[in-house]
Amino acid sequence: MQKILIIIHAAPYGSERCLSALRLATALTGRDDKPQVRLFLMSDATVLGLPNQVDGAGNGLQGMVEHLVGEGVPIRVCRTCALARGIADLPLIPGVAIGTLPELADAAVEADKVITF
């Protein structure tokens, strides 16, 4: 089974990079060969892990995150990045968790492919 790590740095709003990353992750989880996908949210992408954000599409990004969690995709929010933005102690979308840089390093070493947005 192929292992794919997707690292998202881009903010959820203001560009389509975060949306593109979620769309790719969704497409990967829908493949017949079922690659193992992991997401790590860093920098301004950390706010993607917060619930109840209403974007122009209603609740589109949160719905995509919830779908990926339901597909078994581990989604981690960088602890250092979350602390820097004052969101480390806020509730996250169920299934999303705070992650650490050593955890990201392990995921990168184990991955067959690392994709960044």
PDB file of N, CA and C in Angstrom:
ATOM      1  N   MET A   1       0.844  -1.182   0.000  1.00  0.00           N
ATOM      2  CA  MET A   1       0.000   0.000   0.000  1.00  0.00           C
ATOM      3  C   MET A   1       0.889   1.244   0.000  1.00  0.00           C
ATOM      4  N   GLN A   2       0.591   2.153  -0.899  1.00  0.00           N
ATOM      5  CA  GLN A   2       1.360   3.383  -0.995  1.00  0.00           C
ATOM      6  C   GLN A   2       0.964   4.345   0.126  1.00  0.00           C
ATOM      7  N   LYS A   3       1.952   5.034   0.703  1.00  0.00           N
ATOM      8  CA  LYS A   3       1.724   6.003   1.774  1.00  0.00           C
ATOM      9  C   LYS A   3       2.002   7.401   1.243  1.00  0.00           C
ATOM     10  N   ILE A   4       1.016   8.290   1.410  1.00  0.00           N
ATOM     11  CA  ILE A   4       1.123   9.652   0.901  1.00  0.00           C
ATOM     12  C   ILE A   4       0.872  10.630   2.043  1.00  0.00           C
ATOM     13  N   LEU A   5       1.823  11.523   2.248  1.00  0.00           N
ATOM     14  CA  LEU A   5       1.703  12.577   3.246  1.00  0.00           C
ATOM     15  C   LEU A   5       1.443  13.888   2.518  1.00  0.00           C
ATOM     16  N   ILE A   6       0.388  14.577   2.925  1.00  0.00           N
ATOM     17  CA  ILE A   6       0.076  15.888   2.374  1.00  0.00           C
ATOM     18  C   ILE A   6       0.258  16.915   3.485  1.00  0.00           C
ATOM     19  N   ILE A   7       1.143  17.869   3.239  1.00  0.00           N
ATOM     20  CA  ILE A   7       1.395  18.956   4.189  1.00  0.00           C
ATOM     21  C   ILE A   7       0.765  20.214   3.612  1.00  0.00           C
ATOM     22  N   ILE A   8      -0.094  20.839   4.397  1.00  0.00           N
ATOM     23  CA  ILE A   8      -0.768  22.059   3.941  1.00  0.00           C
ATOM     24  C   ILE A   8      -0.262  23.229   4.783  1.00  0.00           C
ATOM     25  N   HIS A   9       0.274  24.239   4.101  1.00  0.00           N
ATOM     26  CA  HIS A   9       0.717  25.485   4.740  1.00  0.00           C
ATOM     27  C   HIS A   9      -0.256  26.626   4.460  1.00  0.00           C
ATOM     28  N   ALA A  10      -0.921  26.555   3.331  1.00  0.00           N
ATOM     29  CA  ALA A  10      -1.753  27.667   2.853  1.00  0.00           C
ATOM     30  C   ALA A  10      -2.992  27.852   3.725  1.00  0.00           C
ATOM     31  N   ALA A  11      -3.337  29.090   3.948  1.00  0.00           N
ATOM     32  CA  ALA A  11      -4.546  29.415   4.706  1.00  0.00           C
ATOM     33  C   ALA A  11      -5.779  28.879   3.978  1.00  0.00           C
ATOM     34  N   PRO A  12      -6.797  28.490   4.732  1.00  0.00           N
ATOM     35  CA  PRO A  12      -8.000  27.946   4.109  1.00  0.00           C
ATOM     36  C   PRO A  12      -8.736  28.947   3.225  1.00  0.00           C
ATOM     37  N   TYR A  13      -8.552  30.228   3.480  1.00  0.00           N
ATOM     38  CA  TYR A  13      -9.292  31.249   2.737  1.00  0.00           C
ATOM     39  C   TYR A  13      -8.299  32.220   2.108  1.00  0.00           C
ATOM     40  N   GLY A  14      -8.627  32.720   0.940  1.00  0.00           N
ATOM     41  CA  GLY A  14      -7.766  33.679   0.272  1.00  0.00           C
ATOM     42  C   GLY A  14      -7.063  33.105  -0.945  1.00  0.00           C
ATOM     43  N   SER A  15      -6.922  31.796  -0.986  1.00  0.00           N
ATOM     44  CA  SER A  15      -6.397  31.128  -2.178  1.00  0.00           C
ATOM     45  C   SER A  15      -7.085  29.769  -2.250  1.00  0.00           C
ATOM     46  N   GLU A  16      -6.841  29.055  -3.308  1.00  0.00           N
ATOM     47  CA  GLU A  16      -7.479  27.751  -3.450  1.00  0.00           C
ATOM     48  C   GLU A  16      -6.519  26.612  -3.153  1.00  0.00           C
ATOM     49  N   ARG A  17      -5.331  26.903  -2.624  1.00  0.00           N
ATOM     50  CA  ARG A  17      -4.356  25.847  -2.370  1.00  0.00           C
ATOM     51  C   ARG A  17      -4.847  24.854  -1.321  1.00  0.00           C
ATOM     52  N   CYS A  18      -5.443  25.354  -0.258  1.00  0.00           N
ATOM     53  CA  CYS A  18      -5.959  24.466   0.790  1.00  0.00           C
ATOM     54  C   CYS A  18      -7.098  23.607   0.235  1.00  0.00           C
ATOM     55  N   LEU A  19      -7.997  24.225  -0.490  1.00  0.00           N
ATOM     56  CA  LEU A  19      -9.097  23.492  -1.128  1.00  0.00           C
ATOM     57  C   LEU A  19      -8.548  22.431  -2.074  1.00  0.00           C
ATOM     58  N   SER A  20      -7.536  22.782  -2.856  1.00  0.00           N
ATOM     59  CA  SER A  20      -6.934  21.821  -3.788  1.00  0.00           C
ATOM     60  C   SER A  20      -6.333  20.637  -3.044  1.00  0.00           C
ATOM     61  N   ALA A  21      -5.694  20.890  -1.909  1.00  0.00           N
ATOM     62  CA  ALA A  21      -5.120  19.809  -1.115  1.00  0.00           C
ATOM     63  C   ALA A  21      -6.205  18.871  -0.602  1.00  0.00           C
ATOM     64  N   LEU A  22      -7.308  19.431  -0.117  1.00  0.00           N
ATOM     65  CA  LEU A  22      -8.410  18.605   0.376  1.00  0.00           C
ATOM     66  C   LEU A  22      -9.058  17.823  -0.757  1.00  0.00           C
ATOM     67  N   ARG A  23      -9.175  18.440  -1.911  1.00  0.00           N
ATOM     68  CA  ARG A  23      -9.742  17.739  -3.066  1.00  0.00           C
ATOM     69  C   ARG A  23      -8.850  16.575  -3.487  1.00  0.00           C
ATOM     70  N   LEU A  24      -7.536  16.801  -3.486  1.00  0.00           N
ATOM     71  CA  LEU A  24      -6.612  15.725  -3.822  1.00  0.00           C
ATOM     72  C   LEU A  24      -6.717  14.594  -2.803  1.00  0.00           C
ATOM     73  N   ALA A  25      -6.726  14.934  -1.525  1.00  0.00           N
ATOM     74  CA  ALA A  25      -6.829  13.910  -0.480  1.00  0.00           C
ATOM     75  C   ALA A  25      -8.118  13.107  -0.644  1.00  0.00           C
ATOM     76  N   THR A  26      -9.215  13.786  -0.964  1.00  0.00           N
ATOM     77  CA  THR A  26     -10.495  13.107  -1.174  1.00  0.00           C
ATOM     78  C   THR A  26     -10.418  12.176  -2.377  1.00  0.00           C
ATOM     79  N   ALA A  27      -9.821  12.642  -3.458  1.00  0.00           N
ATOM     80  CA  ALA A  27      -9.674  11.800  -4.649  1.00  0.00           C
ATOM     81  C   ALA A  27      -8.811  10.581  -4.361  1.00  0.00           C
ATOM     82  N   LEU A  28      -7.750  10.775  -3.592  1.00  0.00           N
ATOM     83  CA  LEU A  28      -6.866   9.654  -3.258  1.00  0.00           C
ATOM     84  C   LEU A  28      -7.590   8.602  -2.422  1.00  0.00           C
ATOM     85  N   THR A  29      -8.399   9.054  -1.459  1.00  0.00           N
ATOM     86  CA  THR A  29      -9.108   8.084  -0.612  1.00  0.00           C
ATOM     87  C   THR A  29     -10.193   7.343  -1.376  1.00  0.00           C
ATOM     88  N   GLY A  30     -10.619   7.903  -2.514  1.00  0.00           N
ATOM     89  CA  GLY A  30     -11.641   7.252  -3.314  1.00  0.00           C
ATOM     90  C   GLY A  30     -11.100   6.261  -4.341  1.00  0.00           C
ATOM     91  N   ARG A  31      -9.794   6.145  -4.423  1.00  0.00           N
ATOM     92  CA  ARG A  31      -9.188   5.229  -5.403  1.00  0.00           C
ATOM     93  C   ARG A  31      -9.386   3.771  -4.990  1.00  0.00           C
ATOM     94  N   ASP A  32      -9.421   2.899  -5.989  1.00  0.00           N
ATOM     95  CA  ASP A  32      -9.579   1.469  -5.724  1.00  0.00           C
ATOM     96  C   ASP A  32      -8.385   0.881  -4.986  1.00  0.00           C
ATOM     97  N   ASP A  33      -7.173   1.407  -5.239  1.00  0.00           N
ATOM     98  CA  ASP A  33      -5.978   0.850  -4.591  1.00  0.00           C
ATOM     99  C   ASP A  33      -5.778   1.380  -3.169  1.00  0.00           C
ATOM    100  N   LYS A  34      -6.634   2.296  -2.711  1.00  0.00           N
ATOM    101  CA  LYS A  34      -6.674   2.789  -1.328  1.00  0.00           C
ATOM    102  C   LYS A  34      -5.299   3.131  -0.744  1.00  0.00           C
ATOM    103  N   PRO A  35      -4.629   4.153  -1.258  1.00  0.00           N
ATOM    104  CA  PRO A  35      -3.372   4.556  -0.622  1.00  0.00           C
ATOM    105  C   PRO A  35      -3.644   5.078   0.786  1.00  0.00           C
ATOM    106  N   GLN A  36      -2.646   4.975   1.640  1.00  0.00           N
ATOM    107  CA  GLN A  36      -2.753   5.506   3.000  1.00  0.00           C
ATOM    108  C   GLN A  36      -2.406   6.986   2.940  1.00  0.00           C
ATOM    109  N   VAL A  37      -3.365   7.845   3.233  1.00  0.00           N
ATOM    110  CA  VAL A  37      -3.186   9.289   3.154  1.00  0.00           C
ATOM    111  C   VAL A  37      -3.139   9.856   4.567  1.00  0.00           C
ATOM    112  N   ARG A  38      -2.201  10.793   4.794  1.00  0.00           N
ATOM    113  CA  ARG A  38      -2.123  11.527   6.053  1.00  0.00           C
ATOM    114  C   ARG A  38      -2.047  13.005   5.730  1.00  0.00           C
ATOM    115  N   LEU A  39      -2.690  13.842   6.552  1.00  0.00           N
ATOM    116  CA  LEU A  39      -2.639  15.292   6.392  1.00  0.00           C
ATOM    117  C   LEU A  39      -1.990  15.923   7.614  1.00  0.00           C
ATOM    118  N   PHE A  40      -1.126  16.891   7.362  1.00  0.00           N
ATOM    119  CA  PHE A  40      -0.514  17.652   8.445  1.00  0.00           C
ATOM    120  C   PHE A  40      -0.700  19.127   8.123  1.00  0.00           C
ATOM    121  N   LEU A  41      -1.382  19.850   9.019  1.00  0.00           N
ATOM    122  CA  LEU A  41      -1.692  21.264   8.823  1.00  0.00           C
ATOM    123  C   LEU A  41      -0.667  22.118   9.550  1.00  0.00           C
ATOM    124  N   MET A  42      -0.001  22.987   8.803  1.00  0.00           N
ATOM    125  CA  MET A  42       1.028  23.853   9.379  1.00  0.00           C
ATOM    126  C   MET A  42       0.733  25.315   9.030  1.00  0.00           C
ATOM    127  N   SER A  43       1.458  26.207   9.668  1.00  0.00           N
ATOM    128  CA  SER A  43       1.361  27.645   9.399  1.00  0.00           C
ATOM    129  C   SER A  43      -0.105  28.075   9.443  1.00  0.00           C
ATOM    130  N   ASP A  44      -0.534  28.868   8.461  1.00  0.00           N
ATOM    131  CA  ASP A  44      -1.902  29.383   8.478  1.00  0.00           C
ATOM    132  C   ASP A  44      -2.959  28.322   8.204  1.00  0.00           C
ATOM    133  N   ALA A  45      -2.559  27.158   7.745  1.00  0.00           N
ATOM    134  CA  ALA A  45      -3.525  26.075   7.516  1.00  0.00           C
ATOM    135  C   ALA A  45      -4.050  25.497   8.825  1.00  0.00           C
ATOM    136  N   THR A  46      -3.412  25.811   9.938  1.00  0.00           N
ATOM    137  CA  THR A  46      -3.856  25.250  11.218  1.00  0.00           C
ATOM    138  C   THR A  46      -5.303  25.611  11.531  1.00  0.00           C
ATOM    139  N   VAL A  47      -5.751  26.785  11.083  1.00  0.00           N
ATOM    140  CA  VAL A  47      -7.134  27.179  11.395  1.00  0.00           C
ATOM    141  C   VAL A  47      -8.161  26.302  10.690  1.00  0.00           C
ATOM    142  N   LEU A  48      -7.735  25.537   9.697  1.00  0.00           N
ATOM    143  CA  LEU A  48      -8.635  24.602   9.033  1.00  0.00           C
ATOM    144  C   LEU A  48      -9.177  23.563  10.018  1.00  0.00           C
ATOM    145  N   GLY A  49      -8.445  23.283  11.087  1.00  0.00           N
ATOM    146  CA  GLY A  49      -8.877  22.298  12.068  1.00  0.00           C
ATOM    147  C   GLY A  49      -9.958  22.785  13.018  1.00  0.00           C
ATOM    148  N   LEU A  50     -10.271  24.081  12.976  1.00  0.00           N
ATOM    149  CA  LEU A  50     -11.291  24.640  13.868  1.00  0.00           C
ATOM    150  C   LEU A  50     -12.687  24.442  13.286  1.00  0.00           C
ATOM    151  N   PRO A  51     -13.660  24.072  14.124  1.00  0.00           N
ATOM    152  CA  PRO A  51     -15.026  23.863  13.632  1.00  0.00           C
ATOM    153  C   PRO A  51     -15.805  25.172  13.482  1.00  0.00           C
ATOM    154  N   ASN A  52     -16.952  25.044  12.836  1.00  0.00           N
ATOM    155  CA  ASN A  52     -17.973  26.098  12.771  1.00  0.00           C
ATOM    156  C   ASN A  52     -17.572  27.329  11.969  1.00  0.00           C
ATOM    157  N   GLN A  53     -16.645  27.181  11.033  1.00  0.00           N
ATOM    158  CA  GLN A  53     -16.310  28.287  10.144  1.00  0.00           C
ATOM    159  C   GLN A  53     -17.236  28.193   8.935  1.00  0.00           C
ATOM    160  N   VAL A  54     -17.869  29.286   8.616  1.00  0.00           N
ATOM    161  CA  VAL A  54     -18.789  29.296   7.480  1.00  0.00           C
ATOM    162  C   VAL A  54     -18.112  30.051   6.346  1.00  0.00           C
ATOM    163  N   ASP A  55     -17.858  29.342   5.262  1.00  0.00           N
ATOM    164  CA  ASP A  55     -17.246  29.986   4.105  1.00  0.00           C
ATOM    165  C   ASP A  55     -18.322  30.286   3.068  1.00  0.00           C
ATOM    166  N   GLY A  56     -17.939  30.773   1.926  1.00  0.00           N
ATOM    167  CA  GLY A  56     -18.892  31.137   0.884  1.00  0.00           C
ATOM    168  C   GLY A  56     -19.751  29.973   0.420  1.00  0.00           C
ATOM    169  N   ALA A  57     -19.241  28.749   0.597  1.00  0.00           N
ATOM    170  CA  ALA A  57     -19.987  27.564   0.159  1.00  0.00           C
ATOM    171  C   ALA A  57     -20.813  26.972   1.297  1.00  0.00           C
ATOM    172  N   GLY A  58     -20.938  27.685   2.401  1.00  0.00           N
ATOM    173  CA  GLY A  58     -21.691  27.166   3.545  1.00  0.00           C
ATOM    174  C   GLY A  58     -20.750  26.606   4.575  1.00  0.00           C
ATOM    175  N   ASN A  59     -20.506  25.317   4.517  1.00  0.00           N
ATOM    176  CA  ASN A  59     -19.614  24.655   5.477  1.00  0.00           C
ATOM    177  C   ASN A  59     -18.711  23.693   4.713  1.00  0.00           C
ATOM    178  N   GLY A  60     -18.309  24.100   3.515  1.00  0.00           N
ATOM    179  CA  GLY A  60     -17.615  23.216   2.599  1.00  0.00           C
ATOM    180  C   GLY A  60     -16.313  22.631   3.097  1.00  0.00           C
ATOM    181  N   LEU A  61     -15.397  23.459   3.597  1.00  0.00           N
ATOM    182  CA  LEU A  61     -14.102  22.943   4.014  1.00  0.00           C
ATOM    183  C   LEU A  61     -14.234  22.024   5.222  1.00  0.00           C
ATOM    184  N   GLN A  62     -15.038  22.409   6.204  1.00  0.00           N
ATOM    185  CA  GLN A  62     -15.233  21.544   7.361  1.00  0.00           C
ATOM    186  C   GLN A  62     -15.844  20.220   6.936  1.00  0.00           C
ATOM    187  N   GLY A  63     -16.798  20.269   6.019  1.00  0.00           N
ATOM    188  CA  GLY A  63     -17.401  19.035   5.527  1.00  0.00           C
ATOM    189  C   GLY A  63     -16.379  18.128   4.861  1.00  0.00           C
ATOM    190  N   MET A  64     -15.440  18.720   4.127  1.00  0.00           N
ATOM    191  CA  MET A  64     -14.392  17.926   3.483  1.00  0.00           C
ATOM    192  C   MET A  64     -13.473  17.302   4.524  1.00  0.00           C
ATOM    193  N   VAL A  65     -13.126  18.073   5.555  1.00  0.00           N
ATOM    194  CA  VAL A  65     -12.278  17.542   6.636  1.00  0.00           C
ATOM    195  C   VAL A  65     -12.996  16.400   7.337  1.00  0.00           C
ATOM    196  N   GLU A  66     -14.273  16.593   7.648  1.00  0.00           N
ATOM    197  CA  GLU A  66     -15.050  15.546   8.316  1.00  0.00           C
ATOM    198  C   GLU A  66     -15.138  14.292   7.450  1.00  0.00           C
ATOM    199  N   HIS A  67     -15.298  14.480   6.145  1.00  0.00           N
ATOM    200  CA  HIS A  67     -15.337  13.326   5.234  1.00  0.00           C
ATOM    201  C   HIS A  67     -14.016  12.565   5.293  1.00  0.00           C
ATOM    202  N   LEU A  68     -12.901  13.286   5.243  1.00  0.00           N
ATOM    203  CA  LEU A  68     -11.591  12.629   5.283  1.00  0.00           C
ATOM    204  C   LEU A  68     -11.381  11.898   6.607  1.00  0.00           C
ATOM    205  N   VAL A  69     -11.791  12.503   7.706  1.00  0.00           N
ATOM    206  CA  VAL A  69     -11.709  11.829   9.013  1.00  0.00           C
ATOM    207  C   VAL A  69     -12.520  10.540   8.960  1.00  0.00           C
ATOM    208  N   GLY A  70     -13.717  10.613   8.381  1.00  0.00           N
ATOM    209  CA  GLY A  70     -14.566   9.431   8.248  1.00  0.00           C
ATOM    210  C   GLY A  70     -13.947   8.340   7.385  1.00  0.00           C
ATOM    211  N   GLU A  71     -13.083   8.734   6.458  1.00  0.00           N
ATOM    212  CA  GLU A  71     -12.370   7.777   5.606  1.00  0.00           C
ATOM    213  C   GLU A  71     -11.126   7.219   6.298  1.00  0.00           C
ATOM    214  N   GLY A  72     -10.893   7.649   7.535  1.00  0.00           N
ATOM    215  CA  GLY A  72      -9.745   7.138   8.294  1.00  0.00           C
ATOM    216  C   GLY A  72      -8.452   7.896   8.076  1.00  0.00           C
ATOM    217  N   VAL A  73      -8.528   9.084   7.482  1.00  0.00           N
ATOM    218  CA  VAL A  73      -7.326   9.880   7.233  1.00  0.00           C
ATOM    219  C   VAL A  73      -6.918  10.585   8.527  1.00  0.00           C
ATOM    220  N   PRO A  74      -5.704  10.320   9.025  1.00  0.00           N
ATOM    221  CA  PRO A  74      -5.232  11.058  10.200  1.00  0.00           C
ATOM    222  C   PRO A  74      -4.938  12.506   9.803  1.00  0.00           C
ATOM    223  N   ILE A  75      -5.519  13.446  10.539  1.00  0.00           N
ATOM    224  CA  ILE A  75      -5.286  14.865  10.285  1.00  0.00           C
ATOM    225  C   ILE A  75      -4.723  15.480  11.555  1.00  0.00           C
ATOM    226  N   ARG A  76      -3.533  16.057  11.418  1.00  0.00           N
ATOM    227  CA  ARG A  76      -2.850  16.649  12.562  1.00  0.00           C
ATOM    228  C   ARG A  76      -2.616  18.128  12.320  1.00  0.00           C
ATOM    229  N   VAL A  77      -2.733  18.901  13.396  1.00  0.00           N
ATOM    230  CA  VAL A  77      -2.462  20.333  13.399  1.00  0.00           C
ATOM    231  C   VAL A  77      -1.137  20.541  14.125  1.00  0.00           C
ATOM    232  N   CYS A  78      -0.203  21.222  13.478  1.00  0.00           N
ATOM    233  CA  CYS A  78       1.103  21.480  14.091  1.00  0.00           C
ATOM    234  C   CYS A  78       0.934  22.221  15.420  1.00  0.00           C
ATOM    235  N   ARG A  79       1.444  21.640  16.482  1.00  0.00           N
ATOM    236  CA  ARG A  79       1.307  22.221  17.816  1.00  0.00           C
ATOM    237  C   ARG A  79       1.967  23.595  17.894  1.00  0.00           C
ATOM    238  N   THR A  80       3.186  23.715  17.399  1.00  0.00           N
ATOM    239  CA  THR A  80       3.912  24.986  17.452  1.00  0.00           C
ATOM    240  C   THR A  80       3.165  26.067  16.683  1.00  0.00           C
ATOM    241  N   CYS A  81       2.651  25.711  15.509  1.00  0.00           N
ATOM    242  CA  CYS A  81       1.896  26.664  14.685  1.00  0.00           C
ATOM    243  C   CYS A  81       0.591  27.065  15.378  1.00  0.00           C
ATOM    244  N   ALA A  82      -0.066  26.102  16.005  1.00  0.00           N
ATOM    245  CA  ALA A  82      -1.313  26.387  16.721  1.00  0.00           C
ATOM    246  C   ALA A  82      -1.050  27.286  17.927  1.00  0.00           C
ATOM    247  N   LEU A  83       0.030  27.029  18.636  1.00  0.00           N
ATOM    248  CA  LEU A  83       0.388  27.886  19.773  1.00  0.00           C
ATOM    249  C   LEU A  83       0.663  29.310  19.301  1.00  0.00           C
ATOM    250  N   ALA A  84       1.377  29.457  18.195  1.00  0.00           N
ATOM    251  CA  ALA A  84       1.715  30.785  17.673  1.00  0.00           C
ATOM    252  C   ALA A  84       0.473  31.569  17.277  1.00  0.00           C
ATOM    253  N   ARG A  85      -0.604  30.865  16.918  1.00  0.00           N
ATOM    254  CA  ARG A  85      -1.828  31.530  16.486  1.00  0.00           C
ATOM    255  C   ARG A  85      -2.895  31.585  17.586  1.00  0.00           C
ATOM    256  N   GLY A  86      -2.549  31.104  18.775  1.00  0.00           N
ATOM    257  CA  GLY A  86      -3.476  31.169  19.900  1.00  0.00           C
ATOM    258  C   GLY A  86      -4.648  30.224  19.800  1.00  0.00           C
ATOM    259  N   ILE A  87      -4.490  29.135  19.043  1.00  0.00           N
ATOM    260  CA  ILE A  87      -5.629  28.227  18.868  1.00  0.00           C
ATOM    261  C   ILE A  87      -5.374  26.835  19.447  1.00  0.00           C
ATOM    262  N   ALA A  88      -4.250  26.643  20.099  1.00  0.00           N
ATOM    263  CA  ALA A  88      -3.877  25.304  20.576  1.00  0.00           C
ATOM    264  C   ALA A  88      -4.865  24.742  21.596  1.00  0.00           C
ATOM    265  N   ASP A  89      -5.536  25.601  22.336  1.00  0.00           N
ATOM    266  CA  ASP A  89      -6.460  25.128  23.364  1.00  0.00           C
ATOM    267  C   ASP A  89      -7.924  25.172  22.918  1.00  0.00           C
ATOM    268  N   LEU A  90      -8.162  25.557  21.683  1.00  0.00           N
ATOM    269  CA  LEU A  90      -9.537  25.598  21.180  1.00  0.00           C
ATOM    270  C   LEU A  90      -9.970  24.205  20.720  1.00  0.00           C
ATOM    271  N   PRO A  91     -11.275  23.932  20.781  1.00  0.00           N
ATOM    272  CA  PRO A  91     -11.756  22.633  20.283  1.00  0.00           C
ATOM    273  C   PRO A  91     -11.527  22.516  18.778  1.00  0.00           C
ATOM    274  N   LEU A  92     -11.186  21.313  18.360  1.00  0.00           N
ATOM    275  CA  LEU A  92     -10.952  21.037  16.948  1.00  0.00           C
ATOM    276  C   LEU A  92     -12.115  20.222  16.384  1.00  0.00           C
ATOM    277  N   ILE A  93     -12.181  20.175  15.065  1.00  0.00           N
ATOM    278  CA  ILE A  93     -13.163  19.316  14.406  1.00  0.00           C
ATOM    279  C   ILE A  93     -12.944  17.896  14.928  1.00  0.00           C
ATOM    280  N   PRO A  94     -13.987  17.182  15.333  1.00  0.00           N
ATOM    281  CA  PRO A  94     -13.802  15.818  15.839  1.00  0.00           C
ATOM    282  C   PRO A  94     -13.001  14.956  14.862  1.00  0.00           C
ATOM    283  N   GLY A  95     -11.987  14.309  15.392  1.00  0.00           N
ATOM    284  CA  GLY A  95     -11.111  13.471  14.582  1.00  0.00           C
ATOM    285  C   GLY A  95      -9.810  14.154  14.195  1.00  0.00           C
ATOM    286  N   VAL A  96      -9.760  15.471  14.312  1.00  0.00           N
ATOM    287  CA  VAL A  96      -8.534  16.234  14.065  1.00  0.00           C
ATOM    288  C   VAL A  96      -7.827  16.391  15.403  1.00  0.00           C
ATOM    289  N   ALA A  97      -6.504  16.254  15.408  1.00  0.00           N
ATOM    290  CA  ALA A  97      -5.756  16.321  16.661  1.00  0.00           C
ATOM    291  C   ALA A  97      -4.505  17.175  16.489  1.00  0.00           C
ATOM    292  N   ILE A  98      -4.005  17.637  17.599  1.00  0.00           N
ATOM    293  CA  ILE A  98      -2.728  18.349  17.614  1.00  0.00           C
ATOM    294  C   ILE A  98      -1.615  17.338  17.343  1.00  0.00           C
ATOM    295  N   GLY A  99      -0.671  17.716  16.504  1.00  0.00           N
ATOM    296  CA  GLY A  99       0.473  16.864  16.185  1.00  0.00           C
ATOM    297  C   GLY A  99       1.779  17.582  16.498  1.00  0.00           C
ATOM    298  N   THR A 100       2.851  16.844  16.481  1.00  0.00           N
ATOM    299  CA  THR A 100       4.157  17.401  16.800  1.00  0.00           C
ATOM    300  C   THR A 100       5.095  17.276  15.608  1.00  0.00           C
ATOM    301  N   LEU A 101       6.181  18.032  15.655  1.00  0.00           N
ATOM    302  CA  LEU A 101       7.159  17.953  14.578  1.00  0.00           C
ATOM    303  C   LEU A 101       7.813  16.574  14.496  1.00  0.00           C
ATOM    304  N   PRO A 102       8.127  15.914  15.621  1.00  0.00           N
ATOM    305  CA  PRO A 102       8.631  14.538  15.500  1.00  0.00           C
ATOM    306  C   PRO A 102       7.627  13.599  14.826  1.00  0.00           C
ATOM    307  N   GLU A 103       6.344  13.804  15.062  1.00  0.00           N
ATOM    308  CA  GLU A 103       5.318  13.001  14.403  1.00  0.00           C
ATOM    309  C   GLU A 103       5.326  13.270  12.894  1.00  0.00           C
ATOM    310  N   LEU A 104       5.481  14.533  12.510  1.00  0.00           N
ATOM    311  CA  LEU A 104       5.572  14.877  11.095  1.00  0.00           C
ATOM    312  C   LEU A 104       6.826  14.264  10.478  1.00  0.00           C
ATOM    313  N   ALA A 105       7.934  14.311  11.208  1.00  0.00           N
ATOM    314  CA  ALA A 105       9.185  13.720  10.704  1.00  0.00           C
ATOM    315  C   ALA A 105       9.014  12.223  10.463  1.00  0.00           C
ATOM    316  N   ASP A 106       8.379  11.538  11.397  1.00  0.00           N
ATOM    317  CA  ASP A 106       8.123  10.102  11.223  1.00  0.00           C
ATOM    318  C   ASP A 106       7.261   9.849   9.993  1.00  0.00           C
ATOM    319  N   ALA A 107       6.209  10.649   9.829  1.00  0.00           N
ATOM    320  CA  ALA A 107       5.315  10.473   8.690  1.00  0.00           C
ATOM    321  C   ALA A 107       6.052  10.725   7.374  1.00  0.00           C
ATOM    322  N   ALA A 108       6.955  11.705   7.362  1.00  0.00           N
ATOM    323  CA  ALA A 108       7.704  12.010   6.140  1.00  0.00           C
ATOM    324  C   ALA A 108       8.661  10.874   5.779  1.00  0.00           C
ATOM    325  N   VAL A 109       9.294  10.298   6.785  1.00  0.00           N
ATOM    326  CA  VAL A 109      10.230   9.197   6.536  1.00  0.00           C
ATOM    327  C   VAL A 109       9.481   7.954   6.048  1.00  0.00           C
ATOM    328  N   GLU A 110       8.305   7.714   6.598  1.00  0.00           N
ATOM    329  CA  GLU A 110       7.524   6.530   6.234  1.00  0.00           C
ATOM    330  C   GLU A 110       6.819   6.672   4.884  1.00  0.00           C
ATOM    331  N   ALA A 111       6.602   7.916   4.427  1.00  0.00           N
ATOM    332  CA  ALA A 111       5.810   8.156   3.217  1.00  0.00           C
ATOM    333  C   ALA A 111       6.580   7.779   1.951  1.00  0.00           C
ATOM    334  N   ASP A 112       5.827   7.280   0.990  1.00  0.00           N
ATOM    335  CA  ASP A 112       6.383   7.073  -0.348  1.00  0.00           C
ATOM    336  C   ASP A 112       6.407   8.375  -1.126  1.00  0.00           C
ATOM    337  N   LYS A 113       5.431   9.247  -0.823  1.00  0.00           N
ATOM    338  CA  LYS A 113       5.340  10.547  -1.475  1.00  0.00           C
ATOM    339  C   LYS A 113       4.951  11.596  -0.425  1.00  0.00           C
ATOM    340  N   VAL A 114       5.568  12.785  -0.535  1.00  0.00           N
ATOM    341  CA  VAL A 114       5.204  13.921   0.297  1.00  0.00           C
ATOM    342  C   VAL A 114       4.809  15.049  -0.644  1.00  0.00           C
ATOM    343  N   ILE A 115       3.613  15.582  -0.451  1.00  0.00           N
ATOM    344  CA  ILE A 115       3.086  16.642  -1.301  1.00  0.00           C
ATOM    345  C   ILE A 115       2.788  17.833  -0.405  1.00  0.00           C
ATOM    346  N   THR A 116       3.205  19.024  -0.849  1.00  0.00           N
ATOM    347  CA  THR A 116       2.942  20.221  -0.043  1.00  0.00           C
ATOM    348  C   THR A 116       2.091  21.218  -0.824  1.00  0.00           C
ATOM    349  N   PHE A 117       1.240  21.894  -0.095  1.00  0.00           N
ATOM    350  CA  PHE A 117       0.402  22.950  -0.659  1.00  0.00           C
ATOM    351  C   PHE A 117       0.581  24.203   0.168  1.00  0.00           C
TER     352      PHE A 117
END
